[in-house]
C-alpha atoms as a PDB file:
ATOM      1  CA  MET A   1       7.619  25.015  18.469  1.00  0.00           C
ATOM      2  CA  SER A   2       6.671  26.130  14.938  1.00  0.00           C
ATOM      3  CA  SER A   3      10.261  27.226  14.238  1.00  0.00           C
ATOM      4  CA  PHE A   4      11.439  23.725  15.170  1.00  0.00           C
ATOM      5  CA  PHE A   5       9.094  22.116  12.644  1.00  0.00           C
ATOM      6  CA  ASP A   6      10.083  24.681  10.003  1.00  0.00           C
ATOM      7  CA  SER A   7      13.697  23.574  10.388  1.00  0.00           C
ATOM      8  CA  LEU A   8      12.955  19.906   9.673  1.00  0.00           C
ATOM      9  CA  PRO A   9      14.183  18.484   6.326  1.00  0.00           C
ATOM     10  CA  VAL A  10      10.764  16.832   5.776  1.00  0.00           C
ATOM     11  CA  ALA A  11       7.173  17.897   6.393  1.00  0.00           C
ATOM     12  CA  PRO A  12       6.095  17.625  10.050  1.00  0.00           C
ATOM     13  CA  TRP A  13       3.312  15.155   9.233  1.00  0.00           C
ATOM     14  CA  VAL A  14       5.950  12.760   7.916  1.00  0.00           C
ATOM     15  CA  VAL A  15       7.829  12.809  11.235  1.00  0.00           C
ATOM     16  CA  PHE A  16       4.668  12.205  13.256  1.00  0.00           C
ATOM     17  CA  THR A  17       3.591   9.407  10.916  1.00  0.00           C
ATOM     18  CA  PHE A  18       6.908   7.544  11.221  1.00  0.00           C
ATOM     19  CA  PHE A  19       6.718   7.896  15.002  1.00  0.00           C
ATOM     20  CA  ALA A  20       3.091   6.694  15.064  1.00  0.00           C
ATOM     21  CA  ALA A  21       3.822   3.674  12.855  1.00  0.00           C
ATOM     22  CA  THR A  22       6.675   2.618  15.133  1.00  0.00           C
ATOM     23  CA  MET A  23       4.552   2.917  18.281  1.00  0.00           C
ATOM     24  CA  GLN A  24       1.672   1.084  16.607  1.00  0.00           C
ATOM     25  CA  ALA A  25       3.883  -1.887  15.761  1.00  0.00           C
ATOM     26  CA  VAL A  26       5.015  -2.110  19.384  1.00  0.00           C
ATOM     27  CA  ARG A  27       1.488  -1.671  20.777  1.00  0.00           C
ATOM     28  CA  THR A  28       0.002  -4.281  18.445  1.00  0.00           C
ATOM     29  CA  ALA A  29       2.532  -6.828  19.681  1.00  0.00           C
ATOM     30  CA  GLY A  30       1.390  -6.132  23.233  1.00  0.00           C
ATOM     31  CA  GLN A  31      -2.291  -6.405  22.312  1.00  0.00           C
ATOM     32  CA  LYS A  32      -1.678  -9.773  20.639  1.00  0.00           C
ATOM     33  CA  SER A  33      -0.239 -11.082  23.906  1.00  0.00           C
ATOM     34  CA  LEU A  34      -3.078  -9.633  25.951  1.00  0.00           C
ATOM     35  CA  SER A  35      -5.793 -10.978  23.600  1.00  0.00           C
ATOM     36  CA  ALA A  36      -4.824 -14.512  24.631  1.00  0.00           C
ATOM     37  CA  THR A  37      -5.972 -13.706  28.184  1.00  0.00           C
ATOM     38  CA  VAL A  38      -8.937 -11.323  27.823  1.00  0.00           C
ATOM     39  CA  THR A  39     -11.778 -10.732  25.357  1.00  0.00           C
ATOM     40  CA  PRO A  40     -11.348  -8.475  22.291  1.00  0.00           C
ATOM     41  CA  MET A  41     -13.417  -5.742  23.965  1.00  0.00           C
ATOM     42  CA  SER A  42     -11.284  -5.941  27.128  1.00  0.00           C
ATOM     43  CA  ALA A  43      -8.104  -5.647  25.070  1.00  0.00           C
ATOM     44  CA  THR A  44      -9.676  -2.587  23.432  1.00  0.00           C
ATOM     45  CA  LEU A  45     -10.636  -1.160  26.845  1.00  0.00           C
ATOM     46  CA  VAL A  46      -7.029  -1.466  28.025  1.00  0.00           C
ATOM     47  CA  ARG A  47      -5.789   0.567  25.083  1.00  0.00           C
ATOM     48  CA  TYR A  48      -8.022   3.525  25.981  1.00  0.00           C
ATOM     49  CA  VAL A  49      -8.335   3.455  29.779  1.00  0.00           C
ATOM     50  CA  PHE A  50      -4.615   2.945  30.414  1.00  0.00           C
ATOM     51  CA  GLY A  51      -3.691   5.398  27.661  1.00  0.00           C
ATOM     52  CA  LEU A  52      -5.969   8.223  28.878  1.00  0.00           C
ATOM     53  CA  PRO A  53      -3.680   9.524  31.693  1.00  0.00           C
ATOM     54  CA  PHE A  54      -0.765   9.841  29.273  1.00  0.00           C
ATOM     55  CA  VAL A  55      -2.692  11.862  26.668  1.00  0.00           C
ATOM     56  CA  ILE A  56      -4.089  14.108  29.424  1.00  0.00           C
ATOM     57  CA  ILE A  57      -0.543  14.845  30.596  1.00  0.00           C
ATOM     58  CA  TYR A  58       0.460  15.644  27.004  1.00  0.00           C
ATOM     59  CA  LEU A  59      -2.448  18.075  26.522  1.00  0.00           C
ATOM     60  CA  ALA A  60      -1.794  19.708  29.900  1.00  0.00           C
ATOM     61  CA  TYR A  61       1.801  20.307  28.800  1.00  0.00           C
ATOM     62  CA  LEU A  62       0.619  21.987  25.591  1.00  0.00           C
ATOM     63  CA  THR A  63      -2.166  24.122  27.082  1.00  0.00           C
ATOM     64  CA  GLY A  64      -1.011  24.928  30.619  1.00  0.00           C
ATOM     65  CA  PRO A  65      -3.597  26.954  32.599  1.00  0.00           C
ATOM     66  CA  THR A  66      -6.039  27.027  29.648  1.00  0.00           C
ATOM     67  CA  PHE A  67      -6.449  23.217  29.781  1.00  0.00           C
ATOM     68  CA  PHE A  68     -10.038  23.109  31.105  1.00  0.00           C
ATOM     69  CA  TYR A  69     -11.200  26.131  29.124  1.00  0.00           C
ATOM     70  CA  LYS A  70     -10.101  24.602  25.819  1.00  0.00           C
ATOM     71  CA  LEU A  71     -11.697  21.263  26.629  1.00  0.00           C
ATOM     72  CA  SER A  72     -15.030  22.859  27.547  1.00  0.00           C
ATOM     73  CA  ASP A  73     -14.917  25.083  24.468  1.00  0.00           C
ATOM     74  CA  ALA A  74     -14.469  22.013  22.237  1.00  0.00           C
ATOM     75  CA  LEU A  75     -17.370  20.207  23.933  1.00  0.00           C
ATOM     76  CA  SER A  76     -19.640  23.199  23.254  1.00  0.00           C
ATOM     77  CA  ARG A  77     -19.092  22.947  19.474  1.00  0.00           C
ATOM     78  CA  SER A  78     -21.446  20.624  17.591  1.00  0.00           C
ATOM     79  CA  GLU A  79     -19.128  20.664  14.572  1.00  0.00           C
ATOM     80  CA  PHE A  80     -16.498  19.088  16.838  1.00  0.00           C
ATOM     81  CA  LEU A  81     -18.713  16.896  18.992  1.00  0.00           C
ATOM     82  CA  ILE A  82     -20.480  14.983  16.192  1.00  0.00           C
ATOM     83  CA  PRO A  83     -17.369  13.683  14.380  1.00  0.00           C
ATOM     84  CA  ALA A  84     -15.645  13.095  17.747  1.00  0.00           C
ATOM     85  CA  VAL A  85     -18.463  10.828  18.965  1.00  0.00           C
ATOM     86  CA  LEU A  86     -18.591   9.037  15.598  1.00  0.00           C
ATOM     87  CA  THR A  87     -14.830   8.490  15.837  1.00  0.00           C
ATOM     88  CA  SER A  88     -15.158   7.060  19.336  1.00  0.00           C
ATOM     89  CA  VAL A  89     -17.606   4.393  18.205  1.00  0.00           C
ATOM     90  CA  ALA A  90     -15.959   3.632  14.840  1.00  0.00           C
ATOM     91  CA  GLN A  91     -12.493   3.111  16.334  1.00  0.00           C
ATOM     92  CA  ILE A  92     -13.820   0.743  18.989  1.00  0.00           C
ATOM     93  CA  VAL A  93     -15.602  -1.297  16.318  1.00  0.00           C
ATOM     94  CA  ALA A  94     -12.479  -1.337  14.136  1.00  0.00           C
ATOM     95  CA  THR A  95     -10.210  -2.403  17.006  1.00  0.00           C
ATOM     96  CA  VAL A  96     -12.531  -5.204  18.086  1.00  0.00           C
ATOM     97  CA  LEU A  97     -12.794  -6.493  14.503  1.00  0.00           C
ATOM     98  CA  LEU A  98      -9.010  -6.439  14.150  1.00  0.00           C
ATOM     99  CA  ILE A  99      -8.449  -8.273  17.430  1.00  0.00           C
ATOM    100  CA  GLN A 100     -11.082 -10.839  16.440  1.00  0.00           C
ATOM    101  CA  SER A 101      -9.099 -11.488  13.258  1.00  0.00           C
ATOM    102  CA  PHE A 102      -6.083 -12.417  15.442  1.00  0.00           C
ATOM    103  CA  ARG A 103      -8.014 -15.457  16.684  1.00  0.00           C
ATOM    104  CA  TYR A 104      -8.393 -17.121  13.293  1.00  0.00           C
ATOM    105  CA  LYS A 105      -5.938 -19.836  12.357  1.00  0.00           C
ATOM    106  CA  ASN A 106      -5.390 -18.049   9.051  1.00  0.00           C
ATOM    107  CA  PHE A 107      -4.221 -14.920  10.877  1.00  0.00           C
ATOM    108  CA  MET A 108      -2.592 -13.275   7.864  1.00  0.00           C
ATOM    109  CA  VAL A 109      -5.790 -13.352   5.772  1.00  0.00           C
ATOM    110  CA  GLY A 110      -7.660 -11.050   8.131  1.00  0.00           C
ATOM    111  CA  THR A 111      -4.745  -8.722   8.770  1.00  0.00           C
ATOM    112  CA  SER A 112      -3.928  -8.517   5.045  1.00  0.00           C
ATOM    113  CA  PHE A 113      -7.439  -7.358   4.220  1.00  0.00           C
ATOM    114  CA  ALA A 114      -7.287  -4.884   7.121  1.00  0.00           C
ATOM    115  CA  LYS A 115      -4.315  -3.337   5.332  1.00  0.00           C
ATOM    116  CA  THR A 116      -6.683  -2.113   2.597  1.00  0.00           C
ATOM    117  CA  GLU A 117      -7.341   0.709   5.067  1.00  0.00           C
ATOM    118  CA  SER A 118      -5.308   3.270   3.102  1.00  0.00           C
ATOM    119  CA  VAL A 119      -7.201   2.634  -0.155  1.00  0.00           C
ATOM    120  CA  GLN A 120     -10.553   2.575   1.621  1.00  0.00           C
ATOM    121  CA  THR A 121      -9.643   5.869   3.324  1.00  0.00           C
ATOM    122  CA  ALA A 122      -8.717   7.410  -0.037  1.00  0.00           C
ATOM    123  CA  ILE A 123     -12.032   6.349  -1.583  1.00  0.00           C
ATOM    124  CA  LEU A 124     -14.073   7.533   1.405  1.00  0.00           C
ATOM    125  CA  SER A 125     -12.208  10.853   1.580  1.00  0.00           C
ATOM    126  CA  THR A 126     -12.842  11.515  -2.104  1.00  0.00           C
ATOM    127  CA  LEU A 127     -16.516  10.513  -2.122  1.00  0.00           C
ATOM    128  CA  PHE A 128     -17.745  11.862   1.226  1.00  0.00           C
ATOM    129  CA  PHE A 129     -15.210  14.261   2.757  1.00  0.00           C
ATOM    130  CA  ALA A 130     -14.176  16.473  -0.183  1.00  0.00           C
ATOM    131  CA  LEU A 131     -10.529  15.410   0.172  1.00  0.00           C
ATOM    132  CA  PRO A 132      -9.557  14.174  -3.300  1.00  0.00           C
ATOM    133  CA  LEU A 133      -6.023  12.940  -3.917  1.00  0.00           C
ATOM    134  CA  THR A 134      -3.747  14.070  -6.700  1.00  0.00           C
ATOM    135  CA  PHE A 135      -2.618  11.548  -9.312  1.00  0.00           C
ATOM    136  CA  SER A 136       0.707  11.048  -7.537  1.00  0.00           C
ATOM    137  CA  GLY A 137      -1.166  10.570  -4.262  1.00  0.00           C
ATOM    138  CA  TRP A 138      -3.272   7.773  -5.759  1.00  0.00           C
ATOM    139  CA  VAL A 139      -0.159   6.144  -7.225  1.00  0.00           C
ATOM    140  CA  ALA A 140       1.516   6.197  -3.801  1.00  0.00           C
ATOM    141  CA  VAL A 141      -1.546   4.750  -2.041  1.00  0.00           C
ATOM    142  CA  VAL A 142      -1.997   1.933  -4.573  1.00  0.00           C
ATOM    143  CA  LEU A 143       1.714   1.055  -4.619  1.00  0.00           C
ATOM    144  CA  GLY A 144       1.755   0.956  -0.829  1.00  0.00           C
ATOM    145  CA  MET A 145      -1.257  -1.352  -0.673  1.00  0.00           C
ATOM    146  CA  VAL A 146       0.167  -3.690  -3.334  1.00  0.00           C
ATOM    147  CA  GLY A 147       3.427  -3.815  -1.395  1.00  0.00           C
ATOM    148  CA  VAL A 148       1.666  -4.676   1.850  1.00  0.00           C
ATOM    149  CA  TRP A 149      -0.282  -7.454   0.173  1.00  0.00           C
ATOM    150  CA  LEU A 150       2.852  -8.956  -1.350  1.00  0.00           C
ATOM    151  CA  VAL A 151       4.499  -8.997   2.061  1.00  0.00           C
ATOM    152  CA  ALA A 152       1.521 -10.009   4.176  1.00  0.00           C
ATOM    153  CA  MET A 153      -0.676 -12.264   2.053  1.00  0.00           C
ATOM    154  CA  PRO A 154      -0.858 -15.866   3.266  1.00  0.00           C
ATOM    155  CA  SER A 155       0.757 -18.795   1.516  1.00  0.00           C
ATOM    156  CA  ARG A 156      -1.202 -20.745  -1.097  1.00  0.00           C
ATOM    157  CA  ASP A 157      -1.863 -23.660   1.239  1.00  0.00           C
ATOM    158  CA  GLU A 158      -3.332 -21.417   3.933  1.00  0.00           C
ATOM    159  CA  PRO A 159      -7.151 -21.567   3.834  1.00  0.00           C
ATOM    160  CA  TRP A 160      -9.267 -18.525   3.074  1.00  0.00           C
ATOM    161  CA  ASN A 161     -12.063 -17.878   5.510  1.00  0.00           C
ATOM    162  CA  PHE A 162     -15.000 -15.492   5.055  1.00  0.00           C
ATOM    163  CA  GLY A 163     -14.910 -14.567   8.736  1.00  0.00           C
ATOM    164  CA  ALA A 164     -11.285 -13.489   8.573  1.00  0.00           C
ATOM    165  CA  ILE A 165     -11.805 -11.605   5.291  1.00  0.00           C
ATOM    166  CA  SER A 166     -14.955  -9.776   6.466  1.00  0.00           C
ATOM    167  CA  ARG A 167     -13.384  -8.763   9.767  1.00  0.00           C
ATOM    168  CA  GLY A 168     -10.252  -7.548   8.008  1.00  0.00           C
ATOM    169  CA  LEU A 169     -12.186  -5.468   5.472  1.00  0.00           C
ATOM    170  CA  GLY A 170     -14.510  -4.180   8.178  1.00  0.00           C
ATOM    171  CA  ALA A 171     -11.588  -3.119  10.369  1.00  0.00           C
ATOM    172  CA  GLY A 172      -9.992  -1.303   7.427  1.00  0.00           C
ATOM    173  CA  ALA A 173     -13.216   0.550   6.598  1.00  0.00           C
ATOM    174  CA  PHE A 174     -13.906   1.642  10.170  1.00  0.00           C
ATOM    175  CA  PHE A 175     -10.280   2.706  10.708  1.00  0.00           C
ATOM    176  CA  GLY A 176     -10.582   4.747   7.515  1.00  0.00           C
ATOM    177  CA  LEU A 177     -13.722   6.508   8.768  1.00  0.00           C
ATOM    178  CA  THR A 178     -12.017   7.059  12.110  1.00  0.00           C
ATOM    179  CA  SER A 179      -9.100   8.844  10.431  1.00  0.00           C
ATOM    180  CA  LEU A 180     -11.361  11.144   8.429  1.00  0.00           C
ATOM    181  CA  TRP A 181     -13.596  12.063  11.390  1.00  0.00           C
ATOM    182  CA  ILE A 182     -10.523  12.771  13.528  1.00  0.00           C
ATOM    183  CA  ARG A 183      -9.332  15.315  10.972  1.00  0.00           C
ATOM    184  CA  GLN A 184     -12.810  16.834  10.662  1.00  0.00           C
ATOM    185  CA  ALA A 185     -13.118  17.236  14.440  1.00  0.00           C
ATOM    186  CA  ALA A 186      -9.613  18.668  14.922  1.00  0.00           C
ATOM    187  CA  LEU A 187      -9.924  21.206  12.097  1.00  0.00           C
ATOM    188  CA  SER A 188     -13.151  22.540  13.606  1.00  0.00           C
ATOM    189  CA  LEU A 189     -11.117  23.933  16.524  1.00  0.00           C
ATOM    190  CA  ASN A 190      -9.400  27.329  16.249  1.00  0.00           C
ATOM    191  CA  HIS A 191      -6.009  26.314  17.602  1.00  0.00           C
ATOM    192  CA  ASP A 192      -2.601  25.348  16.272  1.00  0.00           C
ATOM    193  CA  VAL A 193      -2.225  21.835  14.845  1.00  0.00           C
ATOM    194  CA  LEU A 194      -0.614  20.280  17.925  1.00  0.00           C
ATOM    195  CA  THR A 195      -3.211  21.652  20.339  1.00  0.00           C
ATOM    196  CA  SER A 196      -6.212  20.865  18.120  1.00  0.00           C
ATOM    197  CA  ALA A 197      -5.003  17.297  17.634  1.00  0.00           C
ATOM    198  CA  ALA A 198      -4.316  16.844  21.363  1.00  0.00           C
ATOM    199  CA  ILE A 199      -7.740  18.170  22.441  1.00  0.00           C
ATOM    200  CA  THR A 200      -9.403  15.865  19.925  1.00  0.00           C
ATOM    201  CA  LEU A 201      -7.342  12.922  21.175  1.00  0.00           C
ATOM    202  CA  VAL A 202      -8.095  13.476  24.872  1.00  0.00           C
ATOM    203  CA  LEU A 203     -11.848  13.855  24.432  1.00  0.00           C
ATOM    204  CA  ILE A 204     -12.170  10.912  22.040  1.00  0.00           C
ATOM    205  CA  VAL A 205     -10.118   8.604  24.277  1.00  0.00           C
ATOM    206  CA  ALA A 206     -12.236   9.741  27.248  1.00  0.00           C
ATOM    207  CA  PHE A 207     -15.445   8.924  25.336  1.00  0.00           C
ATOM    208  CA  GLN A 208     -14.030   5.558  24.331  1.00  0.00           C
ATOM    209  CA  SER A 209     -12.957   4.744  27.887  1.00  0.00           C
ATOM    210  CA  VAL A 210     -16.458   5.435  29.191  1.00  0.00           C
ATOM    211  CA  LEU A 211     -18.080   3.328  26.448  1.00  0.00           C
ATOM    212  CA  CYS A 212     -15.725   0.375  26.965  1.00  0.00           C
ATOM    213  CA  VAL A 213     -15.994   0.424  30.761  1.00  0.00           C
ATOM    214  CA  ALA A 214     -19.805   0.664  30.627  1.00  0.00           C
ATOM    215  CA  TYR A 215     -20.050  -2.233  28.182  1.00  0.00           C
ATOM    216  CA  THR A 216     -17.692  -4.411  30.231  1.00  0.00           C
ATOM    217  CA  LEU A 217     -19.527  -3.649  33.487  1.00  0.00           C
ATOM    218  CA  ILE A 218     -22.791  -4.792  31.922  1.00  0.00           C
ATOM    219  CA  ALA A 219     -21.646  -7.673  29.707  1.00  0.00           C
ATOM    220  CA  THR A 220     -18.494  -9.202  31.227  1.00  0.00           C
ATOM    221  CA  PRO A 221     -17.632  -7.704  34.646  1.00  0.00           C
ATOM    222  CA  SER A 222     -15.326 -10.644  35.410  1.00  0.00           C
ATOM    223  CA  GLU A 223     -12.917  -9.231  32.806  1.00  0.00           C
ATOM    224  CA  PHE A 224     -11.790  -6.469  35.182  1.00  0.00           C
ATOM    225  CA  LYS A 225     -10.099  -9.046  37.411  1.00  0.00           C
ATOM    226  CA  LYS A 226      -8.244 -10.501  34.411  1.00  0.00           C
ATOM    227  CA  ILE A 227      -7.140  -7.033  33.329  1.00  0.00           C
ATOM    228  CA  ALA A 228      -5.907  -6.237  36.861  1.00  0.00           C
ATOM    229  CA  SER A 229      -3.791  -9.395  36.859  1.00  0.00           C
ATOM    230  CA  CYS A 230      -2.069  -8.197  33.654  1.00  0.00           C
ATOM    231  CA  TRP A 231      -1.582  -4.581  34.735  1.00  0.00           C
ATOM    232  CA  PRO A 232       2.103  -4.248  33.693  1.00  0.00           C
ATOM    233  CA  LEU A 233       1.261  -5.343  30.143  1.00  0.00           C
ATOM    234  CA  ALA A 234      -1.881  -3.173  30.206  1.00  0.00           C
ATOM    235  CA  LEU A 235       0.172  -0.140  31.240  1.00  0.00           C
ATOM    236  CA  PHE A 236       2.664  -0.826  28.456  1.00  0.00           C
ATOM    237  CA  ILE A 237      -0.161  -1.041  25.907  1.00  0.00           C
ATOM    238  CA  GLY A 238      -1.685   2.173  27.266  1.00  0.00           C
ATOM    239  CA  LEU A 239       1.593   4.084  27.004  1.00  0.00           C
ATOM    240  CA  THR A 240       2.479   2.907  23.485  1.00  0.00           C
ATOM    241  CA  SER A 241      -1.107   3.445  22.347  1.00  0.00           C
ATOM    242  CA  ALA A 242      -1.063   7.005  23.698  1.00  0.00           C
ATOM    243  CA  LEU A 243       2.246   7.797  21.989  1.00  0.00           C
ATOM    244  CA  GLY A 244       1.090   6.263  18.719  1.00  0.00           C
ATOM    245  CA  SER A 245      -2.213   8.135  18.856  1.00  0.00           C
ATOM    246  CA  ILE A 246      -0.429  11.436  19.441  1.00  0.00           C
ATOM    247  CA  GLY A 247       1.497  10.764  16.241  1.00  0.00           C
ATOM    248  CA  TRP A 248      -1.539   9.660  14.189  1.00  0.00           C
ATOM    249  CA  TYR A 249      -3.859  12.455  15.358  1.00  0.00           C
ATOM    250  CA  THR A 250      -1.268  15.150  14.729  1.00  0.00           C
ATOM    251  CA  ALA A 251      -0.286  13.807  11.310  1.00  0.00           C
ATOM    252  CA  MET A 252      -3.912  13.457  10.196  1.00  0.00           C
ATOM    253  CA  THR A 253      -4.699  16.993  11.323  1.00  0.00           C
ATOM    254  CA  TRP A 254      -1.780  18.195   9.219  1.00  0.00           C
ATOM    255  CA  GLN A 255      -2.352  16.070   6.097  1.00  0.00           C
ATOM    256  CA  ASN A 256      -4.965  14.015   4.210  1.00  0.00           C
ATOM    257  CA  PRO A 257      -5.462  10.814   6.285  1.00  0.00           C
ATOM    258  CA  ALA A 258      -5.203   8.626   3.161  1.00  0.00           C
ATOM    259  CA  LEU A 259      -1.615   9.812   2.632  1.00  0.00           C
ATOM    260  CA  VAL A 260      -0.813   9.479   6.331  1.00  0.00           C
ATOM    261  CA  LYS A 261      -2.069   5.893   6.452  1.00  0.00           C
ATOM    262  CA  SER A 262      -0.204   5.017   3.265  1.00  0.00           C
ATOM    263  CA  LEU A 263       3.073   6.388   4.612  1.00  0.00           C
ATOM    264  CA  GLY A 264       2.429   4.541   7.878  1.00  0.00           C
ATOM    265  CA  GLN A 265       2.827   1.264   6.007  1.00  0.00           C
ATOM    266  CA  VAL A 266       6.582   1.809   6.254  1.00  0.00           C
ATOM    267  CA  GLU A 267       6.332  -0.332   9.396  1.00  0.00           C
ATOM    268  CA  ILE A 268       6.133  -3.327   7.029  1.00  0.00           C
ATOM    269  CA  VAL A 269       9.593  -2.425   5.696  1.00  0.00           C
ATOM    270  CA  ILE A 270      10.961  -2.157   9.229  1.00  0.00           C
ATOM    271  CA  SER A 271       9.486  -5.551  10.106  1.00  0.00           C
ATOM    272  CA  ALA A 272      11.001  -7.165   7.022  1.00  0.00           C
ATOM    273  CA  LEU A 273      14.449  -5.762   7.813  1.00  0.00           C
ATOM    274  CA  LEU A 274      14.193  -6.952  11.421  1.00  0.00           C
ATOM    275  CA  THR A 275      13.177 -10.393  10.192  1.00  0.00           C
ATOM    276  CA  LEU A 276      16.279 -10.574   8.043  1.00  0.00           C
ATOM    277  CA  ARG A 277      18.749  -8.912  10.392  1.00  0.00           C
ATOM    278  CA  LEU A 278      17.756 -10.084  13.873  1.00  0.00           C
ATOM    279  CA  PHE A 279      15.911 -13.336  13.335  1.00  0.00           C
ATOM    280  CA  LYS A 280      17.899 -14.584  10.311  1.00  0.00           C
ATOM    281  CA  GLU A 281      14.657 -15.689   8.652  1.00  0.00           C
ATOM    282  CA  LYS A 282      14.389 -16.084   4.893  1.00  0.00           C
ATOM    283  CA  VAL A 283      12.565 -13.328   2.996  1.00  0.00           C
ATOM    284  CA  SER A 284      10.892 -14.487  -0.240  1.00  0.00           C
ATOM    285  CA  TRP A 285      11.200 -12.714  -3.585  1.00  0.00           C
ATOM    286  CA  ALA A 286       7.529 -11.670  -3.322  1.00  0.00           C
ATOM    287  CA  GLU A 287       8.208 -10.088   0.071  1.00  0.00           C
ATOM    288  CA  TRP A 288      11.240  -8.230  -1.318  1.00  0.00           C
ATOM    289  CA  LEU A 289       9.096  -7.001  -4.218  1.00  0.00           C
ATOM    290  CA  GLY A 290       6.497  -5.845  -1.708  1.00  0.00           C
ATOM    291  CA  VAL A 291       9.118  -4.015   0.331  1.00  0.00           C
ATOM    292  CA  ALA A 292      10.388  -2.312  -2.842  1.00  0.00           C
ATOM    293  CA  SER A 293       6.843  -1.257  -3.744  1.00  0.00           C
ATOM    294  CA  ILE A 294       6.311   0.255  -0.293  1.00  0.00           C
ATOM    295  CA  ILE A 295       9.649   2.105  -0.498  1.00  0.00           C
ATOM    296  CA  VAL A 296       8.665   3.632  -3.853  1.00  0.00           C
ATOM    297  CA  SER A 297       5.325   4.615  -2.339  1.00  0.00           C
ATOM    298  CA  VAL A 298       7.093   6.288   0.582  1.00  0.00           C
ATOM    299  CA  LEU A 299       9.454   8.181  -1.747  1.00  0.00           C
ATOM    300  CA  ILE A 300       6.476   9.518  -3.702  1.00  0.00           C
ATOM    301  CA  LEU A 301       4.745  10.594  -0.495  1.00  0.00           C
ATOM    302  CA  LEU A 302       7.867  12.382   0.735  1.00  0.00           C
ATOM    303  CA  SER A 303       7.835  14.480  -2.439  1.00  0.00           C
ATOM    304  CA  ILE A 304       4.185  15.547  -2.077  1.00  0.00           C
END
């Protein structure tokens, strides 16, 4: 496996990030559809519970007969368990905040502020996780964020709403913390990158599934019937979420999460090209400028 990655023309974390960004775009589209039927917490539950079997299969493929031993060994390590539990809670909070932002009329305001995730991750990693960026890394992160804002910011006549802004910023901050704790947990394990990332993913998704199911049983048990009625969509969200998470977890174990999240913004470029090519919609000069800014950011990241 290592010889395969050594033969790639780009760093392995770049490949996993591109894959993760693609899967995330697909999964988010599914979650938007599901959020019209169920509560934000239920849509979050679907992502984890229906994704868990797929990540277990992936880890079993990587570890073979040592599957249970490696899981139990990870659970016995406090240096793994603490950031893993913190990740479980932070990612649930971030996902719920993001889904709540979908329900505002000024949808793009909340999602635009959520896209500050890469800058917030860079600041948090520098201040609290001893992961400072180089000058070129900061340039790439800032250019990527500016590009996203140019593409995603709402029109002038669209109202600004404190609820949308606060949920967007909150989602970005908690996703940033999630990324950094994932890396901290994975690096505490004495395995290769793929295995460490996969163990971290399985245990965190398992924690999150338990938390979401417990909350739903207590607060809104009627949601389970709604979820069951949408099981094909739920399964689709679970699969794409699992594939995307495999990409994110592996990339962030390999590289500083701030750079991973910044490179992941390439999905905005893909969306803009699809808008132009498939849907024949007009792309404004500001959106083209944003796309150009993101492309420059990506080129810088590829050279790091």
